[in-house]
Amino acid sequence: MVLESGSKPTTEGEEKIPRIPQSTAAKVEKAVLVGLDTSGGEDSLAELALLVDTAGAKVTARAVQRRASIDTSTFLSKGKREEVATFCCGMTPSCWFATRI
């Protein structure tokens, strides 16, 4: 058996696989959740937040808009897009998630 510093043990003739150093401070993705409520029901983004958390990201903001129907070209109204953009301006989120609730 051959053992080098920083690599896993191998037997003679096997290729040595070097370990890749990992940062001690893992980068956490910042997520913004946006929901569009067309049914007038509960405005919960809880399920989406749980999925985002499971993926390893942190939810930093949530927004919900109530509309009678979905605008297929923009999803949210101009006013709600501006509100979310202004609110998230200093957060620098790394990902956005949108869903119909």
PDB file of N, CA and C in Angstrom:
ATOM      1  N   MET A   1       0.846  -1.171   0.000  1.00  0.00           N
ATOM      2  CA  MET A   1       0.000   0.000   0.000  1.00  0.00           C
ATOM      3  C   MET A   1       0.892   1.234   0.000  1.00  0.00           C
ATOM      4  N   VAL A   2       0.520   2.219  -0.817  1.00  0.00           N
ATOM      5  CA  VAL A   2       1.268   3.466  -0.906  1.00  0.00           C
ATOM      6  C   VAL A   2       0.404   4.574  -0.324  1.00  0.00           C
ATOM      7  N   LEU A   3       0.981   5.400   0.518  1.00  0.00           N
ATOM      8  CA  LEU A   3       0.229   6.501   1.113  1.00  0.00           C
ATOM      9  C   LEU A   3       1.049   7.770   0.993  1.00  0.00           C
ATOM     10  N   GLU A   4       0.511   8.724   0.283  1.00  0.00           N
ATOM     11  CA  GLU A   4       1.148  10.026   0.176  1.00  0.00           C
ATOM     12  C   GLU A   4       0.345  11.028   0.982  1.00  0.00           C
ATOM     13  N   SER A   5       1.006  12.051   1.433  1.00  0.00           N
ATOM     14  CA  SER A   5       0.333  13.089   2.196  1.00  0.00           C
ATOM     15  C   SER A   5      -0.746  13.744   1.339  1.00  0.00           C
ATOM     16  N   GLY A   6      -1.979  13.789   1.868  1.00  0.00           N
ATOM     17  CA  GLY A   6      -3.077  14.437   1.165  1.00  0.00           C
ATOM     18  C   GLY A   6      -3.770  13.585   0.130  1.00  0.00           C
ATOM     19  N   SER A   7      -3.433  12.294   0.048  1.00  0.00           N
ATOM     20  CA  SER A   7      -4.131  11.444  -0.910  1.00  0.00           C
ATOM     21  C   SER A   7      -4.625  10.195  -0.206  1.00  0.00           C
ATOM     22  N   LYS A   8      -5.561   9.514  -0.856  1.00  0.00           N
ATOM     23  CA  LYS A   8      -6.114   8.322  -0.223  1.00  0.00           C
ATOM     24  C   LYS A   8      -5.185   7.132  -0.431  1.00  0.00           C
ATOM     25  N   PRO A   9      -5.256   6.153   0.465  1.00  0.00           N
ATOM     26  CA  PRO A   9      -4.397   4.977   0.322  1.00  0.00           C
ATOM     27  C   PRO A   9      -4.724   4.218  -0.966  1.00  0.00           C
ATOM     28  N   THR A  10      -3.697   3.709  -1.631  1.00  0.00           N
ATOM     29  CA  THR A  10      -3.879   2.896  -2.830  1.00  0.00           C
ATOM     30  C   THR A  10      -2.999   1.673  -2.714  1.00  0.00           C
ATOM     31  N   THR A  11      -3.307   0.690  -3.522  1.00  0.00           N
ATOM     32  CA  THR A  11      -2.449  -0.494  -3.564  1.00  0.00           C
ATOM     33  C   THR A  11      -1.486  -0.326  -4.724  1.00  0.00           C
ATOM     34  N   GLU A  12      -0.426  -1.111  -4.736  1.00  0.00           N
ATOM     35  CA  GLU A  12       0.574  -1.019  -5.809  1.00  0.00           C
ATOM     36  C   GLU A  12      -0.101  -1.197  -7.162  1.00  0.00           C
ATOM     37  N   GLY A  13       0.241  -0.367  -8.137  1.00  0.00           N
ATOM     38  CA  GLY A  13      -0.299  -0.470  -9.477  1.00  0.00           C
ATOM     39  C   GLY A  13      -1.553   0.361  -9.705  1.00  0.00           C
ATOM     40  N   GLU A  14      -2.214   0.805  -8.643  1.00  0.00           N
ATOM     41  CA  GLU A  14      -3.390   1.656  -8.806  1.00  0.00           C
ATOM     42  C   GLU A  14      -2.968   3.104  -9.000  1.00  0.00           C
ATOM     43  N   GLU A  15      -3.778   3.821  -9.735  1.00  0.00           N
ATOM     44  CA  GLU A  15      -3.508   5.234  -9.950  1.00  0.00           C
ATOM     45  C   GLU A  15      -3.810   6.004  -8.661  1.00  0.00           C
ATOM     46  N   LYS A  16      -2.913   6.905  -8.315  1.00  0.00           N
ATOM     47  CA  LYS A  16      -3.124   7.722  -7.121  1.00  0.00           C
ATOM     48  C   LYS A  16      -4.047   8.880  -7.462  1.00  0.00           C
ATOM     49  N   ILE A  17      -5.081   9.086  -6.674  1.00  0.00           N
ATOM     50  CA  ILE A  17      -6.037  10.165  -6.902  1.00  0.00           C
ATOM     51  C   ILE A  17      -5.776  11.259  -5.869  1.00  0.00           C
ATOM     52  N   PRO A  18      -5.285  12.424  -6.314  1.00  0.00           N
ATOM     53  CA  PRO A  18      -5.007  13.486  -5.362  1.00  0.00           C
ATOM     54  C   PRO A  18      -6.290  14.096  -4.820  1.00  0.00           C
ATOM     55  N   ARG A  19      -6.249  14.548  -3.600  1.00  0.00           N
ATOM     56  CA  ARG A  19      -7.390  15.207  -2.990  1.00  0.00           C
ATOM     57  C   ARG A  19      -7.405  16.669  -3.398  1.00  0.00           C
ATOM     58  N   ILE A  20      -8.583  17.161  -3.627  1.00  0.00           N
ATOM     59  CA  ILE A  20      -8.745  18.574  -3.946  1.00  0.00           C
ATOM     60  C   ILE A  20      -9.039  19.304  -2.644  1.00  0.00           C
ATOM     61  N   PRO A  21      -8.210  20.293  -2.302  1.00  0.00           N
ATOM     62  CA  PRO A  21      -8.465  21.011  -1.056  1.00  0.00           C
ATOM     63  C   PRO A  21      -9.803  21.726  -1.109  1.00  0.00           C
ATOM     64  N   GLN A  22     -10.552  21.648  -0.021  1.00  0.00           N
ATOM     65  CA  GLN A  22     -11.839  22.313   0.050  1.00  0.00           C
ATOM     66  C   GLN A  22     -11.743  23.511   0.969  1.00  0.00           C
ATOM     67  N   SER A  23     -12.428  24.562   0.575  1.00  0.00           N
ATOM     68  CA  SER A  23     -12.456  25.769   1.392  1.00  0.00           C
ATOM     69  C   SER A  23     -13.166  25.465   2.702  1.00  0.00           C
ATOM     70  N   THR A  24     -12.693  26.048   3.778  1.00  0.00           N
ATOM     71  CA  THR A  24     -13.340  25.833   5.076  1.00  0.00           C
ATOM     72  C   THR A  24     -14.632  26.622   5.175  1.00  0.00           C
ATOM     73  N   ALA A  25     -14.773  27.689   4.398  1.00  0.00           N
ATOM     74  CA  ALA A  25     -15.992  28.489   4.403  1.00  0.00           C
ATOM     75  C   ALA A  25     -16.706  28.291   3.066  1.00  0.00           C
ATOM     76  N   ALA A  26     -17.680  27.395   3.054  1.00  0.00           N
ATOM     77  CA  ALA A  26     -18.410  27.125   1.824  1.00  0.00           C
ATOM     78  C   ALA A  26     -19.291  28.313   1.462  1.00  0.00           C
ATOM     79  N   LYS A  27     -19.334  28.625   0.172  1.00  0.00           N
ATOM     80  CA  LYS A  27     -20.160  29.731  -0.299  1.00  0.00           C
ATOM     81  C   LYS A  27     -21.618  29.298  -0.291  1.00  0.00           C
ATOM     82  N   VAL A  28     -22.463  30.086   0.340  1.00  0.00           N
ATOM     83  CA  VAL A  28     -23.887  29.796   0.389  1.00  0.00           C
ATOM     84  C   VAL A  28     -24.593  30.676  -0.639  1.00  0.00           C
ATOM     85  N   GLU A  29     -25.338  30.043  -1.524  1.00  0.00           N
ATOM     86  CA  GLU A  29     -26.093  30.770  -2.536  1.00  0.00           C
ATOM     87  C   GLU A  29     -27.221  31.548  -1.864  1.00  0.00           C
ATOM     88  N   LYS A  30     -27.469  32.762  -2.330  1.00  0.00           N
ATOM     89  CA  LYS A  30     -28.567  33.587  -1.827  1.00  0.00           C
ATOM     90  C   LYS A  30     -29.704  33.528  -2.833  1.00  0.00           C
ATOM     91  N   ALA A  31     -30.888  33.140  -2.372  1.00  0.00           N
ATOM     92  CA  ALA A  31     -32.023  32.955  -3.265  1.00  0.00           C
ATOM     93  C   ALA A  31     -33.146  33.939  -2.959  1.00  0.00           C
ATOM     94  N   VAL A  32     -33.812  34.377  -4.018  1.00  0.00           N
ATOM     95  CA  VAL A  32     -35.010  35.201  -3.905  1.00  0.00           C
ATOM     96  C   VAL A  32     -36.167  34.384  -4.458  1.00  0.00           C
ATOM     97  N   LEU A  33     -37.256  34.295  -3.704  1.00  0.00           N
ATOM     98  CA  LEU A  33     -38.438  33.556  -4.120  1.00  0.00           C
ATOM     99  C   LEU A  33     -39.525  34.533  -4.535  1.00  0.00           C
ATOM    100  N   VAL A  34     -40.142  34.270  -5.677  1.00  0.00           N
ATOM    101  CA  VAL A  34     -41.222  35.116  -6.176  1.00  0.00           C
ATOM    102  C   VAL A  34     -42.398  34.218  -6.520  1.00  0.00           C
ATOM    103  N   GLY A  35     -43.559  34.544  -5.968  1.00  0.00           N
ATOM    104  CA  GLY A  35     -44.748  33.756  -6.234  1.00  0.00           C
ATOM    105  C   GLY A  35     -45.822  34.588  -6.904  1.00  0.00           C
ATOM    106  N   LEU A  36     -46.553  33.961  -7.808  1.00  0.00           N
ATOM    107  CA  LEU A  36     -47.670  34.612  -8.478  1.00  0.00           C
ATOM    108  C   LEU A  36     -48.935  33.870  -8.089  1.00  0.00           C
ATOM    109  N   ASP A  37     -49.846  34.558  -7.394  1.00  0.00           N
ATOM    110  CA  ASP A  37     -51.084  33.967  -6.906  1.00  0.00           C
ATOM    111  C   ASP A  37     -52.230  34.389  -7.819  1.00  0.00           C
ATOM    112  N   THR A  38     -52.755  33.441  -8.600  1.00  0.00           N
ATOM    113  CA  THR A  38     -53.870  33.735  -9.501  1.00  0.00           C
ATOM    114  C   THR A  38     -55.187  33.181  -8.976  1.00  0.00           C
ATOM    115  N   SER A  39     -55.146  32.450  -7.861  1.00  0.00           N
ATOM    116  CA  SER A  39     -56.358  31.807  -7.352  1.00  0.00           C
ATOM    117  C   SER A  39     -56.955  32.512  -6.146  1.00  0.00           C
ATOM    118  N   GLY A  40     -56.239  33.483  -5.595  1.00  0.00           N
ATOM    119  CA  GLY A  40     -56.737  34.153  -4.400  1.00  0.00           C
ATOM    120  C   GLY A  40     -56.604  33.302  -3.148  1.00  0.00           C
ATOM    121  N   GLY A  41     -55.828  32.254  -3.235  1.00  0.00           N
ATOM    122  CA  GLY A  41     -55.635  31.339  -2.115  1.00  0.00           C
ATOM    123  C   GLY A  41     -54.506  31.776  -1.197  1.00  0.00           C
ATOM    124  N   GLU A  42     -53.963  30.823  -0.499  1.00  0.00           N
ATOM    125  CA  GLU A  42     -52.873  31.087   0.434  1.00  0.00           C
ATOM    126  C   GLU A  42     -51.616  31.479  -0.340  1.00  0.00           C
ATOM    127  N   ASP A  43     -50.928  32.514   0.137  1.00  0.00           N
ATOM    128  CA  ASP A  43     -49.748  33.004  -0.567  1.00  0.00           C
ATOM    129  C   ASP A  43     -48.458  32.420   0.009  1.00  0.00           C
ATOM    130  N   SER A  44     -48.461  31.123   0.219  1.00  0.00           N
ATOM    131  CA  SER A  44     -47.325  30.478   0.850  1.00  0.00           C
ATOM    132  C   SER A  44     -46.273  30.041  -0.167  1.00  0.00           C
ATOM    133  N   LEU A  45     -45.054  30.391   0.113  1.00  0.00           N
ATOM    134  CA  LEU A  45     -43.919  29.918  -0.679  1.00  0.00           C
ATOM    135  C   LEU A  45     -43.128  28.884   0.124  1.00  0.00           C
ATOM    136  N   ALA A  46     -43.784  28.291   1.126  1.00  0.00           N
ATOM    137  CA  ALA A  46     -43.098  27.380   2.043  1.00  0.00           C
ATOM    138  C   ALA A  46     -42.485  26.180   1.336  1.00  0.00           C
ATOM    139  N   GLU A  47     -43.219  25.566   0.407  1.00  0.00           N
ATOM    140  CA  GLU A  47     -42.689  24.381  -0.279  1.00  0.00           C
ATOM    141  C   GLU A  47     -41.476  24.739  -1.131  1.00  0.00           C
ATOM    142  N   LEU A  48     -41.561  25.848  -1.842  1.00  0.00           N
ATOM    143  CA  LEU A  48     -40.427  26.282  -2.654  1.00  0.00           C
ATOM    144  C   LEU A  48     -39.230  26.621  -1.770  1.00  0.00           C
ATOM    145  N   ALA A  49     -39.483  27.270  -0.632  1.00  0.00           N
ATOM    146  CA  ALA A  49     -38.399  27.601   0.305  1.00  0.00           C
ATOM    147  C   ALA A  49     -37.727  26.339   0.828  1.00  0.00           C
ATOM    148  N   LEU A  50     -38.499  25.302   1.076  1.00  0.00           N
ATOM    149  CA  LEU A  50     -37.932  24.035   1.544  1.00  0.00           C
ATOM    150  C   LEU A  50     -37.057  23.396   0.467  1.00  0.00           C
ATOM    151  N   LEU A  51     -37.495  23.455  -0.782  1.00  0.00           N
ATOM    152  CA  LEU A  51     -36.684  22.917  -1.881  1.00  0.00           C
ATOM    153  C   LEU A  51     -35.377  23.681  -2.036  1.00  0.00           C
ATOM    154  N   VAL A  52     -35.453  25.004  -1.918  1.00  0.00           N
ATOM    155  CA  VAL A  52     -34.254  25.833  -2.027  1.00  0.00           C
ATOM    156  C   VAL A  52     -33.291  25.511  -0.887  1.00  0.00           C
ATOM    157  N   ASP A  53     -33.824  25.355   0.315  1.00  0.00           N
ATOM    158  CA  ASP A  53     -33.007  25.012   1.474  1.00  0.00           C
ATOM    159  C   ASP A  53     -32.349  23.642   1.286  1.00  0.00           C
ATOM    160  N   THR A  54     -33.100  22.693   0.765  1.00  0.00           N
ATOM    161  CA  THR A  54     -32.560  21.358   0.513  1.00  0.00           C
ATOM    162  C   THR A  54     -31.421  21.405  -0.501  1.00  0.00           C
ATOM    163  N   ALA A  55     -31.516  22.330  -1.436  1.00  0.00           N
ATOM    164  CA  ALA A  55     -30.463  22.483  -2.446  1.00  0.00           C
ATOM    165  C   ALA A  55     -29.233  23.193  -1.887  1.00  0.00           C
ATOM    166  N   GLY A  56     -29.318  23.700  -0.657  1.00  0.00           N
ATOM    167  CA  GLY A  56     -28.167  24.317  -0.020  1.00  0.00           C
ATOM    168  C   GLY A  56     -28.116  25.834  -0.111  1.00  0.00           C
ATOM    169  N   ALA A  57     -29.176  26.450  -0.598  1.00  0.00           N
ATOM    170  CA  ALA A  57     -29.206  27.914  -0.693  1.00  0.00           C
ATOM    171  C   ALA A  57     -29.961  28.499   0.494  1.00  0.00           C
ATOM    172  N   LYS A  58     -29.761  29.792   0.708  1.00  0.00           N
ATOM    173  CA  LYS A  58     -30.447  30.498   1.790  1.00  0.00           C
ATOM    174  C   LYS A  58     -31.430  31.484   1.177  1.00  0.00           C
ATOM    175  N   VAL A  59     -32.691  31.406   1.598  1.00  0.00           N
ATOM    176  CA  VAL A  59     -33.707  32.336   1.109  1.00  0.00           C
ATOM    177  C   VAL A  59     -33.467  33.690   1.775  1.00  0.00           C
ATOM    178  N   THR A  60     -33.212  34.715   0.952  1.00  0.00           N
ATOM    179  CA  THR A  60     -32.944  36.046   1.492  1.00  0.00           C
ATOM    180  C   THR A  60     -34.118  36.995   1.329  1.00  0.00           C
ATOM    181  N   ALA A  61     -35.048  36.683   0.426  1.00  0.00           N
ATOM    182  CA  ALA A  61     -36.221  37.537   0.235  1.00  0.00           C
ATOM    183  C   ALA A  61     -37.337  36.734  -0.417  1.00  0.00           C
ATOM    184  N   ARG A  62     -38.572  37.170  -0.144  1.00  0.00           N
ATOM    185  CA  ARG A  62     -39.756  36.555  -0.745  1.00  0.00           C
ATOM    186  C   ARG A  62     -40.684  37.673  -1.209  1.00  0.00           C
ATOM    187  N   ALA A  63     -41.369  37.428  -2.307  1.00  0.00           N
ATOM    188  CA  ALA A  63     -42.351  38.383  -2.804  1.00  0.00           C
ATOM    189  C   ALA A  63     -43.506  37.609  -3.426  1.00  0.00           C
ATOM    190  N   VAL A  64     -44.728  38.104  -3.218  1.00  0.00           N
ATOM    191  CA  VAL A  64     -45.917  37.478  -3.792  1.00  0.00           C
ATOM    192  C   VAL A  64     -46.743  38.558  -4.467  1.00  0.00           C
ATOM    193  N   GLN A  65     -47.235  38.245  -5.658  1.00  0.00           N
ATOM    194  CA  GLN A  65     -48.139  39.147  -6.355  1.00  0.00           C
ATOM    195  C   GLN A  65     -49.429  38.410  -6.653  1.00  0.00           C
ATOM    196  N   ARG A  66     -50.538  39.107  -6.404  1.00  0.00           N
ATOM    197  CA  ARG A  66     -51.848  38.549  -6.732  1.00  0.00           C
ATOM    198  C   ARG A  66     -52.318  39.181  -8.040  1.00  0.00           C
ATOM    199  N   ARG A  67     -52.648  38.320  -9.020  1.00  0.00           N
ATOM    200  CA  ARG A  67     -53.147  38.773 -10.322  1.00  0.00           C
ATOM    201  C   ARG A  67     -54.246  37.827 -10.778  1.00  0.00           C
ATOM    202  N   ALA A  68     -55.097  38.310 -11.637  1.00  0.00           N
ATOM    203  CA  ALA A  68     -56.175  37.471 -12.170  1.00  0.00           C
ATOM    204  C   ALA A  68     -55.625  36.429 -13.149  1.00  0.00           C
ATOM    205  N   SER A  69     -54.579  36.792 -13.884  1.00  0.00           N
ATOM    206  CA  SER A  69     -53.998  35.858 -14.842  1.00  0.00           C
ATOM    207  C   SER A  69     -52.505  36.119 -14.983  1.00  0.00           C
ATOM    208  N   ILE A  70     -51.822  35.169 -15.587  1.00  0.00           N
ATOM    209  CA  ILE A  70     -50.374  35.279 -15.776  1.00  0.00           C
ATOM    210  C   ILE A  70     -50.087  36.057 -17.055  1.00  0.00           C
ATOM    211  N   ASP A  71     -49.202  37.010 -16.972  1.00  0.00           N
ATOM    212  CA  ASP A  71     -48.701  37.702 -18.162  1.00  0.00           C
ATOM    213  C   ASP A  71     -47.535  36.865 -18.670  1.00  0.00           C
ATOM    214  N   THR A  72     -47.730  36.184 -19.782  1.00  0.00           N
ATOM    215  CA  THR A  72     -46.722  35.234 -20.269  1.00  0.00           C
ATOM    216  C   THR A  72     -45.413  35.891 -20.685  1.00  0.00           C
ATOM    217  N   SER A  73     -45.442  37.179 -20.974  1.00  0.00           N
ATOM    218  CA  SER A  73     -44.192  37.826 -21.393  1.00  0.00           C
ATOM    219  C   SER A  73     -43.345  38.297 -20.213  1.00  0.00           C
ATOM    220  N   THR A  74     -43.962  38.609 -19.088  1.00  0.00           N
ATOM    221  CA  THR A  74     -43.181  39.140 -17.961  1.00  0.00           C
ATOM    222  C   THR A  74     -43.434  38.442 -16.633  1.00  0.00           C
ATOM    223  N   PHE A  75     -44.436  37.602 -16.532  1.00  0.00           N
ATOM    224  CA  PHE A  75     -44.812  36.872 -15.328  1.00  0.00           C
ATOM    225  C   PHE A  75     -45.343  37.811 -14.257  1.00  0.00           C
ATOM    226  N   LEU A  76     -44.575  38.806 -13.855  1.00  0.00           N
ATOM    227  CA  LEU A  76     -45.014  39.787 -12.856  1.00  0.00           C
ATOM    228  C   LEU A  76     -45.297  41.121 -13.527  1.00  0.00           C
ATOM    229  N   SER A  77     -46.062  41.949 -12.852  1.00  0.00           N
ATOM    230  CA  SER A  77     -46.312  43.285 -13.385  1.00  0.00           C
ATOM    231  C   SER A  77     -45.054  44.139 -13.274  1.00  0.00           C
ATOM    232  N   LYS A  78     -45.021  45.226 -14.026  1.00  0.00           N
ATOM    233  CA  LYS A  78     -43.868  46.132 -14.010  1.00  0.00           C
ATOM    234  C   LYS A  78     -43.639  46.670 -12.596  1.00  0.00           C
ATOM    235  N   GLY A  79     -44.702  47.045 -11.917  1.00  0.00           N
ATOM    236  CA  GLY A  79     -44.580  47.581 -10.561  1.00  0.00           C
ATOM    237  C   GLY A  79     -43.979  46.580  -9.581  1.00  0.00           C
ATOM    238  N   LYS A  80     -44.404  45.327  -9.651  1.00  0.00           N
ATOM    239  CA  LYS A  80     -43.874  44.295  -8.743  1.00  0.00           C
ATOM    240  C   LYS A  80     -42.424  43.994  -9.081  1.00  0.00           C
ATOM    241  N   ARG A  81     -42.078  43.963 -10.374  1.00  0.00           N
ATOM    242  CA  ARG A  81     -40.677  43.747 -10.754  1.00  0.00           C
ATOM    243  C   ARG A  81     -39.791  44.855 -10.196  1.00  0.00           C
ATOM    244  N   GLU A  82     -40.241  46.096 -10.306  1.00  0.00           N
ATOM    245  CA  GLU A  82     -39.470  47.221  -9.776  1.00  0.00           C
ATOM    246  C   GLU A  82     -39.355  47.147  -8.253  1.00  0.00           C
ATOM    247  N   GLU A  83     -40.450  46.759  -7.587  1.00  0.00           N
ATOM    248  CA  GLU A  83     -40.437  46.624  -6.126  1.00  0.00           C
ATOM    249  C   GLU A  83     -39.431  45.570  -5.677  1.00  0.00           C
ATOM    250  N   VAL A  84     -39.444  44.430  -6.334  1.00  0.00           N
ATOM    251  CA  VAL A  84     -38.519  43.350  -5.986  1.00  0.00           C
ATOM    252  C   VAL A  84     -37.077  43.766  -6.284  1.00  0.00           C
ATOM    253  N   ALA A  85     -36.856  44.402  -7.423  1.00  0.00           N
ATOM    254  CA  ALA A  85     -35.502  44.850  -7.785  1.00  0.00           C
ATOM    255  C   ALA A  85     -34.967  45.862  -6.786  1.00  0.00           C
ATOM    256  N   THR A  86     -35.807  46.804  -6.362  1.00  0.00           N
ATOM    257  CA  THR A  86     -35.402  47.813  -5.383  1.00  0.00           C
ATOM    258  C   THR A  86     -35.109  47.166  -4.037  1.00  0.00           C
ATOM    259  N   PHE A  87     -35.979  46.247  -3.613  1.00  0.00           N
ATOM    260  CA  PHE A  87     -35.811  45.588  -2.321  1.00  0.00           C
ATOM    261  C   PHE A  87     -34.538  44.745  -2.287  1.00  0.00           C
ATOM    262  N   CYS A  88     -34.219  44.082  -3.402  1.00  0.00           N
ATOM    263  CA  CYS A  88     -33.073  43.170  -3.461  1.00  0.00           C
ATOM    264  C   CYS A  88     -31.787  43.849  -3.921  1.00  0.00           C
ATOM    265  N   CYS A  89     -31.813  45.146  -4.118  1.00  0.00           N
ATOM    266  CA  CYS A  89     -30.690  45.879  -4.690  1.00  0.00           C
ATOM    267  C   CYS A  89     -29.364  45.604  -3.980  1.00  0.00           C
ATOM    268  N   GLY A  90     -29.319  45.660  -2.675  1.00  0.00           N
ATOM    269  CA  GLY A  90     -28.074  45.467  -1.946  1.00  0.00           C
ATOM    270  C   GLY A  90     -27.770  44.029  -1.581  1.00  0.00           C
ATOM    271  N   MET A  91     -28.672  43.110  -1.880  1.00  0.00           N
ATOM    272  CA  MET A  91     -28.497  41.711  -1.463  1.00  0.00           C
ATOM    273  C   MET A  91     -27.609  40.905  -2.390  1.00  0.00           C
ATOM    274  N   THR A  92     -27.515  41.270  -3.628  1.00  0.00           N
ATOM    275  CA  THR A  92     -26.822  40.518  -4.672  1.00  0.00           C
ATOM    276  C   THR A  92     -27.143  39.021  -4.627  1.00  0.00           C
ATOM    277  N   PRO A  93     -28.428  38.687  -4.861  1.00  0.00           N
ATOM    278  CA  PRO A  93     -28.792  37.265  -4.863  1.00  0.00           C
ATOM    279  C   PRO A  93     -28.117  36.544  -6.021  1.00  0.00           C
ATOM    280  N   SER A  94     -27.812  35.277  -5.810  1.00  0.00           N
ATOM    281  CA  SER A  94     -27.159  34.485  -6.846  1.00  0.00           C
ATOM    282  C   SER A  94     -28.161  33.666  -7.639  1.00  0.00           C
ATOM    283  N   CYS A  95     -29.402  33.542  -7.153  1.00  0.00           N
ATOM    284  CA  CYS A  95     -30.410  32.813  -7.899  1.00  0.00           C
ATOM    285  C   CYS A  95     -31.806  33.319  -7.547  1.00  0.00           C
ATOM    286  N   TRP A  96     -32.699  33.189  -8.501  1.00  0.00           N
ATOM    287  CA  TRP A  96     -34.086  33.599  -8.366  1.00  0.00           C
ATOM    288  C   TRP A  96     -34.966  32.400  -8.692  1.00  0.00           C
ATOM    289  N   PHE A  97     -36.056  32.241  -7.927  1.00  0.00           N
ATOM    290  CA  PHE A  97     -37.004  31.171  -8.189  1.00  0.00           C
ATOM    291  C   PHE A  97     -38.388  31.784  -8.253  1.00  0.00           C
ATOM    292  N   ALA A  98     -39.127  31.453  -9.297  1.00  0.00           N
ATOM    293  CA  ALA A  98     -40.477  31.963  -9.462  1.00  0.00           C
ATOM    294  C   ALA A  98     -41.435  30.796  -9.643  1.00  0.00           C
ATOM    295  N   THR A  99     -42.634  30.932  -9.074  1.00  0.00           N
ATOM    296  CA  THR A  99     -43.618  29.872  -9.188  1.00  0.00           C
ATOM    297  C   THR A  99     -45.024  30.442  -9.102  1.00  0.00           C
ATOM    298  N   ARG A 100     -45.956  29.704  -9.625  1.00  0.00           N
ATOM    299  CA  ARG A 100     -47.362  30.060  -9.481  1.00  0.00           C
ATOM    300  C   ARG A 100     -47.881  29.356  -8.244  1.00  0.00           C
ATOM    301  N   ILE A 101     -48.513  30.102  -7.370  1.00  0.00           N
ATOM    302  CA  ILE A 101     -49.035  29.486  -6.142  1.00  0.00           C
ATOM    303  C   ILE A 101     -50.530  29.621  -6.072  1.00  0.00           C
TER     304      ILE A 101
END
